[in-house]
Amino acid sequence: MDAFVEKEDVWAASVEETPGALGAVLSALTDAGVDLDFLVMRRAPDKPGTGALFVTPIVGDREMRAATAAGFSVTHKLHSVRVEGANEPGIAATLARDIGDEGIKIRGMSAAVSGSRFVAHFGLDSAEDQTAVIELLSKL
């Protein structure tokens, strides 16, 4: 498989579920020059009226300062691997199966196809699992 595999730090913030709140938080990042590759927002079941927003990448001092000022912090419980490559039928199943065959539990996965390319983000429980997945998928 011809793919690009990399470790990624995931940044998280709590966002109020009010009109315009998400746009304001994302604008603060954009104004600092952040070019997000991925974001997902989910309602926070333990905090009614708020959502949990996860984004990547945040790199460089200026971007990190802006993210921190906007309420983001690097997650230390979620270890993520980004995989990008040529799309083919069953690629998500193949990647997930290969990771599972190594005895590694996937705690979350997001994937999408654009044109002839796919990108997948795997959430893992530990830095050790993250390293193992990067090594495994880099060999495929």
N, C-alpha and C. Protein backbone atom coordinates (compact mmCIF):
# COMPACT_ATOMS: atom_id res chain seq x y z
N MET A 1 0.84 -1.17 0.00
CA MET A 1 0.00 0.00 0.00
C MET A 1 0.89 1.23 0.00
N ASP A 2 0.64 2.13 -0.89
CA ASP A 2 1.38 3.39 -0.95
C ASP A 2 0.62 4.42 -0.11
N ALA A 3 1.10 4.61 1.13
CA ALA A 3 0.39 5.51 2.03
C ALA A 3 1.38 6.33 2.84
N PHE A 4 0.89 7.47 3.29
CA PHE A 4 1.63 8.34 4.19
C PHE A 4 1.05 8.14 5.58
N VAL A 5 1.90 7.76 6.54
CA VAL A 5 1.45 7.45 7.90
C VAL A 5 2.21 8.35 8.86
N GLU A 6 1.48 9.02 9.78
CA GLU A 6 2.14 9.90 10.72
C GLU A 6 1.40 9.99 12.04
N LYS A 7 2.18 10.28 13.06
CA LYS A 7 1.63 10.59 14.38
C LYS A 7 0.99 11.97 14.29
N GLU A 8 -0.10 12.15 15.01
CA GLU A 8 -0.69 13.48 15.07
C GLU A 8 -1.14 13.77 16.50
N ASP A 9 -0.91 15.00 16.91
CA ASP A 9 -1.43 15.45 18.19
C ASP A 9 -2.83 15.98 17.97
N VAL A 10 -3.73 15.57 18.82
CA VAL A 10 -5.11 16.02 18.74
C VAL A 10 -5.33 17.07 19.83
N TRP A 11 -5.91 18.19 19.44
CA TRP A 11 -6.24 19.27 20.37
C TRP A 11 -7.74 19.24 20.60
N ALA A 12 -8.15 19.51 21.82
CA ALA A 12 -9.57 19.46 22.17
C ALA A 12 -9.99 20.73 22.91
N ALA A 13 -11.24 21.10 22.70
CA ALA A 13 -11.83 22.25 23.40
C ALA A 13 -13.31 21.98 23.63
N SER A 14 -13.82 22.58 24.65
CA SER A 14 -15.26 22.56 24.91
C SER A 14 -15.86 23.78 24.23
N VAL A 15 -16.96 23.56 23.51
CA VAL A 15 -17.61 24.66 22.78
C VAL A 15 -19.08 24.69 23.16
N GLU A 16 -19.58 25.87 23.48
CA GLU A 16 -21.00 26.03 23.79
C GLU A 16 -21.83 25.69 22.57
N GLU A 17 -22.97 25.06 22.79
CA GLU A 17 -23.89 24.75 21.70
C GLU A 17 -24.86 25.93 21.53
N THR A 18 -24.29 27.02 21.03
CA THR A 18 -25.09 28.21 20.74
C THR A 18 -24.77 28.66 19.32
N PRO A 19 -25.72 29.34 18.68
CA PRO A 19 -25.45 29.80 17.31
C PRO A 19 -24.19 30.67 17.25
N GLY A 20 -23.30 30.33 16.35
CA GLY A 20 -22.09 31.12 16.13
C GLY A 20 -20.90 30.73 16.98
N ALA A 21 -21.09 29.91 18.02
CA ALA A 21 -19.97 29.58 18.91
C ALA A 21 -18.87 28.80 18.18
N LEU A 22 -19.26 27.81 17.41
CA LEU A 22 -18.26 27.02 16.69
C LEU A 22 -17.52 27.89 15.69
N GLY A 23 -18.23 28.72 14.95
CA GLY A 23 -17.59 29.61 14.00
C GLY A 23 -16.61 30.56 14.65
N ALA A 24 -16.93 31.05 15.84
CA ALA A 24 -16.03 31.96 16.55
C ALA A 24 -14.75 31.26 16.97
N VAL A 25 -14.87 30.03 17.48
CA VAL A 25 -13.69 29.28 17.91
C VAL A 25 -12.80 28.96 16.71
N LEU A 26 -13.42 28.51 15.63
CA LEU A 26 -12.64 28.18 14.43
C LEU A 26 -12.01 29.42 13.81
N SER A 27 -12.71 30.55 13.87
CA SER A 27 -12.15 31.80 13.34
C SER A 27 -10.92 32.24 14.12
N ALA A 28 -10.92 32.01 15.43
CA ALA A 28 -9.75 32.36 16.23
C ALA A 28 -8.53 31.57 15.77
N LEU A 29 -8.75 30.30 15.40
CA LEU A 29 -7.64 29.49 14.89
C LEU A 29 -7.21 29.98 13.51
N THR A 30 -8.18 30.23 12.64
CA THR A 30 -7.89 30.70 11.29
C THR A 30 -7.12 32.02 11.31
N ASP A 31 -7.53 32.92 12.19
CA ASP A 31 -6.85 34.22 12.29
C ASP A 31 -5.38 34.07 12.68
N ALA A 32 -5.04 32.97 13.34
CA ALA A 32 -3.64 32.72 13.75
C ALA A 32 -2.88 31.93 12.70
N GLY A 33 -3.52 31.64 11.57
CA GLY A 33 -2.84 30.92 10.50
C GLY A 33 -2.97 29.41 10.56
N VAL A 34 -3.85 28.91 11.42
CA VAL A 34 -4.03 27.46 11.52
C VAL A 34 -4.75 26.96 10.27
N ASP A 35 -4.22 25.90 9.69
CA ASP A 35 -4.82 25.25 8.52
C ASP A 35 -5.20 23.84 8.95
N LEU A 36 -6.43 23.67 9.41
CA LEU A 36 -6.86 22.38 9.94
C LEU A 36 -7.01 21.35 8.84
N ASP A 37 -6.57 20.15 9.16
CA ASP A 37 -6.70 19.00 8.28
C ASP A 37 -7.95 18.20 8.65
N PHE A 38 -8.30 18.26 9.92
CA PHE A 38 -9.40 17.43 10.42
C PHE A 38 -10.03 18.09 11.63
N LEU A 39 -11.34 18.00 11.71
CA LEU A 39 -12.04 18.39 12.93
C LEU A 39 -13.29 17.55 13.07
N VAL A 40 -13.66 17.33 14.30
CA VAL A 40 -14.92 16.65 14.61
C VAL A 40 -15.44 17.27 15.90
N MET A 41 -16.74 17.50 15.93
CA MET A 41 -17.38 18.02 17.13
C MET A 41 -18.51 17.09 17.50
N ARG A 42 -18.59 16.78 18.77
CA ARG A 42 -19.64 15.90 19.28
C ARG A 42 -20.25 16.53 20.51
N ARG A 43 -21.53 16.32 20.68
CA ARG A 43 -22.20 16.77 21.90
C ARG A 43 -21.54 16.07 23.10
N ALA A 44 -21.32 16.83 24.15
CA ALA A 44 -20.72 16.29 25.37
C ALA A 44 -21.85 15.80 26.29
N PRO A 45 -22.05 14.48 26.38
CA PRO A 45 -23.18 13.97 27.15
C PRO A 45 -23.13 14.32 28.64
N ASP A 46 -21.95 14.54 29.18
CA ASP A 46 -21.80 14.87 30.59
C ASP A 46 -21.87 16.37 30.87
N LYS A 47 -21.96 17.19 29.80
CA LYS A 47 -22.03 18.64 29.95
C LYS A 47 -23.10 19.19 29.03
N PRO A 48 -24.37 19.12 29.44
CA PRO A 48 -25.45 19.62 28.57
C PRO A 48 -25.19 21.05 28.09
N GLY A 49 -25.47 21.26 26.80
CA GLY A 49 -25.29 22.59 26.22
C GLY A 49 -23.89 22.85 25.69
N THR A 50 -23.02 21.83 25.72
CA THR A 50 -21.68 22.00 25.19
C THR A 50 -21.32 20.84 24.28
N GLY A 51 -20.34 21.09 23.45
CA GLY A 51 -19.81 20.06 22.57
C GLY A 51 -18.32 19.93 22.78
N ALA A 52 -17.79 18.77 22.46
CA ALA A 52 -16.35 18.53 22.50
C ALA A 52 -15.84 18.63 21.07
N LEU A 53 -14.90 19.55 20.85
CA LEU A 53 -14.34 19.79 19.53
C LEU A 53 -12.91 19.27 19.51
N PHE A 54 -12.60 18.42 18.53
CA PHE A 54 -11.26 17.86 18.36
C PHE A 54 -10.72 18.32 17.01
N VAL A 55 -9.48 18.82 16.98
CA VAL A 55 -8.89 19.33 15.75
C VAL A 55 -7.43 18.88 15.63
N THR A 56 -6.95 18.88 14.39
CA THR A 56 -5.55 18.60 14.10
C THR A 56 -5.25 19.12 12.70
N PRO A 57 -4.09 19.58 12.37
CA PRO A 57 -2.95 19.79 13.26
C PRO A 57 -2.92 21.21 13.81
N ILE A 58 -2.27 21.36 14.93
CA ILE A 58 -1.90 22.66 15.50
C ILE A 58 -0.38 22.57 15.66
N VAL A 59 0.34 23.36 14.89
CA VAL A 59 1.81 23.30 14.92
C VAL A 59 2.37 24.72 14.97
N GLY A 60 3.51 24.87 15.54
CA GLY A 60 4.16 26.17 15.62
C GLY A 60 3.70 26.95 16.84
N ASP A 61 4.58 27.79 17.33
CA ASP A 61 4.31 28.54 18.55
C ASP A 61 3.09 29.45 18.43
N ARG A 62 2.98 30.17 17.32
CA ARG A 62 1.86 31.10 17.15
C ARG A 62 0.53 30.35 17.16
N GLU A 63 0.48 29.23 16.43
CA GLU A 63 -0.75 28.44 16.38
C GLU A 63 -1.09 27.86 17.75
N MET A 64 -0.08 27.37 18.45
CA MET A 64 -0.31 26.78 19.76
C MET A 64 -0.81 27.83 20.76
N ARG A 65 -0.24 29.02 20.72
CA ARG A 65 -0.70 30.10 21.61
C ARG A 65 -2.15 30.46 21.30
N ALA A 66 -2.49 30.55 20.02
CA ALA A 66 -3.87 30.88 19.64
C ALA A 66 -4.84 29.79 20.06
N ALA A 67 -4.43 28.54 19.88
CA ALA A 67 -5.30 27.42 20.28
C ALA A 67 -5.52 27.43 21.78
N THR A 68 -4.46 27.65 22.52
CA THR A 68 -4.58 27.69 23.98
C THR A 68 -5.49 28.84 24.41
N ALA A 69 -5.33 30.01 23.79
CA ALA A 69 -6.17 31.16 24.11
C ALA A 69 -7.64 30.90 23.78
N ALA A 70 -7.89 30.06 22.77
CA ALA A 70 -9.26 29.74 22.37
C ALA A 70 -9.84 28.58 23.18
N GLY A 71 -9.08 28.09 24.17
CA GLY A 71 -9.59 27.05 25.05
C GLY A 71 -9.19 25.63 24.69
N PHE A 72 -8.28 25.48 23.74
CA PHE A 72 -7.82 24.15 23.34
C PHE A 72 -6.64 23.70 24.19
N SER A 73 -6.50 22.41 24.29
CA SER A 73 -5.30 21.81 24.87
C SER A 73 -5.05 20.48 24.17
N VAL A 74 -3.79 20.06 24.18
CA VAL A 74 -3.44 18.77 23.58
C VAL A 74 -4.03 17.67 24.44
N THR A 75 -4.66 16.71 23.80
CA THR A 75 -5.19 15.58 24.56
C THR A 75 -4.05 14.62 24.89
N HIS A 76 -4.01 14.17 26.11
CA HIS A 76 -2.98 13.23 26.53
C HIS A 76 -3.54 11.82 26.68
N LYS A 77 -4.86 11.69 26.53
CA LYS A 77 -5.50 10.39 26.64
C LYS A 77 -5.75 9.76 25.28
N LEU A 78 -5.72 10.57 24.24
CA LEU A 78 -6.00 10.08 22.89
C LEU A 78 -4.72 10.17 22.07
N HIS A 79 -4.31 9.03 21.55
CA HIS A 79 -3.10 8.95 20.72
C HIS A 79 -3.58 8.62 19.32
N SER A 80 -3.22 9.47 18.36
CA SER A 80 -3.81 9.36 17.04
C SER A 80 -2.76 9.15 15.95
N VAL A 81 -3.18 8.40 14.93
CA VAL A 81 -2.36 8.17 13.75
C VAL A 81 -3.18 8.56 12.53
N ARG A 82 -2.56 9.34 11.66
CA ARG A 82 -3.19 9.76 10.40
C ARG A 82 -2.59 8.94 9.27
N VAL A 83 -3.47 8.41 8.41
CA VAL A 83 -3.04 7.61 7.25
C VAL A 83 -3.71 8.20 6.02
N GLU A 84 -2.92 8.46 4.99
CA GLU A 84 -3.46 8.98 3.73
C GLU A 84 -2.89 8.16 2.59
N GLY A 85 -3.75 7.81 1.64
CA GLY A 85 -3.27 7.03 0.51
C GLY A 85 -4.29 6.93 -0.59
N ALA A 86 -3.99 6.10 -1.57
CA ALA A 86 -4.89 5.87 -2.70
C ALA A 86 -6.08 5.05 -2.21
N ASN A 87 -7.27 5.51 -2.56
CA ASN A 87 -8.46 4.78 -2.15
C ASN A 87 -8.61 3.50 -2.97
N GLU A 88 -9.10 2.48 -2.31
CA GLU A 88 -9.45 1.23 -2.97
C GLU A 88 -10.57 0.59 -2.17
N PRO A 89 -11.41 -0.19 -2.80
CA PRO A 89 -12.50 -0.83 -2.07
C PRO A 89 -11.98 -1.65 -0.88
N GLY A 90 -12.58 -1.45 0.28
CA GLY A 90 -12.21 -2.22 1.46
C GLY A 90 -11.01 -1.73 2.23
N ILE A 91 -10.45 -0.56 1.89
CA ILE A 91 -9.24 -0.10 2.55
C ILE A 91 -9.45 0.11 4.05
N ALA A 92 -10.61 0.63 4.44
CA ALA A 92 -10.86 0.85 5.87
C ALA A 92 -10.87 -0.48 6.61
N ALA A 93 -11.53 -1.47 6.04
CA ALA A 93 -11.58 -2.80 6.67
C ALA A 93 -10.18 -3.41 6.74
N THR A 94 -9.41 -3.26 5.69
CA THR A 94 -8.05 -3.81 5.67
C THR A 94 -7.19 -3.20 6.76
N LEU A 95 -7.22 -1.87 6.87
CA LEU A 95 -6.41 -1.19 7.88
C LEU A 95 -6.85 -1.59 9.29
N ALA A 96 -8.15 -1.58 9.53
CA ALA A 96 -8.66 -1.93 10.86
C ALA A 96 -8.33 -3.38 11.20
N ARG A 97 -8.47 -4.26 10.25
CA ARG A 97 -8.16 -5.68 10.48
C ARG A 97 -6.68 -5.86 10.77
N ASP A 98 -5.82 -5.21 10.00
CA ASP A 98 -4.38 -5.34 10.22
C ASP A 98 -3.97 -4.85 11.62
N ILE A 99 -4.57 -3.74 12.04
CA ILE A 99 -4.28 -3.23 13.38
C ILE A 99 -4.76 -4.22 14.44
N GLY A 100 -5.98 -4.71 14.26
CA GLY A 100 -6.52 -5.69 15.20
C GLY A 100 -5.72 -6.98 15.24
N ASP A 101 -5.23 -7.41 14.09
CA ASP A 101 -4.42 -8.64 14.03
C ASP A 101 -3.13 -8.51 14.84
N GLU A 102 -2.69 -7.28 15.07
CA GLU A 102 -1.50 -7.03 15.89
C GLU A 102 -1.85 -6.96 17.37
N GLY A 103 -3.14 -7.18 17.70
CA GLY A 103 -3.57 -7.14 19.09
C GLY A 103 -3.78 -5.74 19.63
N ILE A 104 -3.95 -4.78 18.73
CA ILE A 104 -4.13 -3.39 19.15
C ILE A 104 -5.60 -3.01 19.02
N LYS A 105 -6.12 -2.43 20.09
CA LYS A 105 -7.51 -2.00 20.13
C LYS A 105 -7.63 -0.59 19.54
N ILE A 106 -8.57 -0.40 18.65
CA ILE A 106 -8.87 0.92 18.09
C ILE A 106 -9.98 1.52 18.92
N ARG A 107 -9.73 2.68 19.52
CA ARG A 107 -10.76 3.32 20.35
C ARG A 107 -11.64 4.25 19.53
N GLY A 108 -11.18 4.64 18.36
CA GLY A 108 -11.98 5.51 17.49
C GLY A 108 -11.36 5.55 16.11
N MET A 109 -12.20 5.77 15.12
CA MET A 109 -11.71 5.88 13.74
C MET A 109 -12.62 6.83 12.99
N SER A 110 -12.01 7.70 12.22
CA SER A 110 -12.72 8.57 11.29
C SER A 110 -12.03 8.43 9.95
N ALA A 111 -12.80 8.37 8.87
CA ALA A 111 -12.19 8.23 7.55
C ALA A 111 -13.09 8.87 6.51
N ALA A 112 -12.47 9.31 5.44
CA ALA A 112 -13.23 9.90 4.33
C ALA A 112 -12.44 9.70 3.04
N VAL A 113 -13.16 9.78 1.93
CA VAL A 113 -12.56 9.69 0.60
C VAL A 113 -12.82 11.01 -0.12
N SER A 114 -11.80 11.50 -0.80
CA SER A 114 -11.95 12.67 -1.66
C SER A 114 -11.26 12.34 -2.97
N GLY A 115 -12.05 12.29 -4.03
CA GLY A 115 -11.49 11.90 -5.31
C GLY A 115 -10.98 10.47 -5.25
N SER A 116 -9.72 10.30 -5.55
CA SER A 116 -9.13 8.95 -5.54
C SER A 116 -8.29 8.69 -4.29
N ARG A 117 -8.36 9.59 -3.30
CA ARG A 117 -7.55 9.47 -2.09
C ARG A 117 -8.43 9.25 -0.87
N PHE A 118 -7.87 8.59 0.14
CA PHE A 118 -8.55 8.45 1.42
C PHE A 118 -7.67 9.05 2.50
N VAL A 119 -8.29 9.43 3.59
CA VAL A 119 -7.57 9.81 4.79
C VAL A 119 -8.32 9.18 5.96
N ALA A 120 -7.56 8.58 6.87
CA ALA A 120 -8.13 7.95 8.04
C ALA A 120 -7.35 8.40 9.28
N HIS A 121 -8.08 8.54 10.37
CA HIS A 121 -7.49 8.91 11.65
C HIS A 121 -7.88 7.82 12.64
N PHE A 122 -6.87 7.20 13.25
CA PHE A 122 -7.10 6.13 14.21
C PHE A 122 -6.79 6.64 15.61
N GLY A 123 -7.75 6.53 16.50
CA GLY A 123 -7.56 6.87 17.90
C GLY A 123 -7.15 5.62 18.66
N LEU A 124 -6.08 5.73 19.45
CA LEU A 124 -5.53 4.59 20.17
C LEU A 124 -5.37 4.94 21.64
N ASP A 125 -5.22 3.93 22.48
CA ASP A 125 -5.19 4.15 23.92
C ASP A 125 -3.83 4.55 24.49
N SER A 126 -2.75 4.27 23.80
CA SER A 126 -1.43 4.55 24.40
C SER A 126 -0.43 4.99 23.34
N ALA A 127 0.63 5.62 23.81
CA ALA A 127 1.71 6.02 22.92
C ALA A 127 2.38 4.79 22.32
N GLU A 128 2.42 3.71 23.08
CA GLU A 128 3.01 2.47 22.57
C GLU A 128 2.19 1.92 21.40
N ASP A 129 0.86 1.93 21.56
CA ASP A 129 -0.01 1.49 20.46
C ASP A 129 0.16 2.40 19.24
N GLN A 130 0.28 3.69 19.47
CA GLN A 130 0.46 4.66 18.40
C GLN A 130 1.73 4.34 17.61
N THR A 131 2.83 4.11 18.31
CA THR A 131 4.09 3.78 17.67
C THR A 131 3.98 2.48 16.89
N ALA A 132 3.34 1.49 17.48
CA ALA A 132 3.19 0.19 16.82
C ALA A 132 2.36 0.31 15.55
N VAL A 133 1.31 1.10 15.58
CA VAL A 133 0.46 1.28 14.39
C VAL A 133 1.23 2.02 13.30
N ILE A 134 1.98 3.02 13.67
CA ILE A 134 2.78 3.74 12.67
C ILE A 134 3.77 2.79 12.02
N GLU A 135 4.45 1.98 12.79
CA GLU A 135 5.42 1.03 12.25
C GLU A 135 4.71 0.01 11.34
N LEU A 136 3.59 -0.52 11.81
CA LEU A 136 2.85 -1.52 11.04
C LEU A 136 2.38 -0.96 9.71
N LEU A 137 1.69 0.17 9.74
CA LEU A 137 1.10 0.70 8.51
C LEU A 137 2.14 1.28 7.56
N SER A 138 3.28 1.69 8.08
CA SER A 138 4.35 2.19 7.22
C SER A 138 4.97 1.08 6.40
N LYS A 139 4.83 -0.17 6.83
CA LYS A 139 5.40 -1.32 6.13
C LYS A 139 4.47 -1.87 5.04
N LEU A 140 3.20 -1.51 5.11
CA LEU A 140 2.23 -2.07 4.15
C LEU A 140 2.36 -1.45 2.77
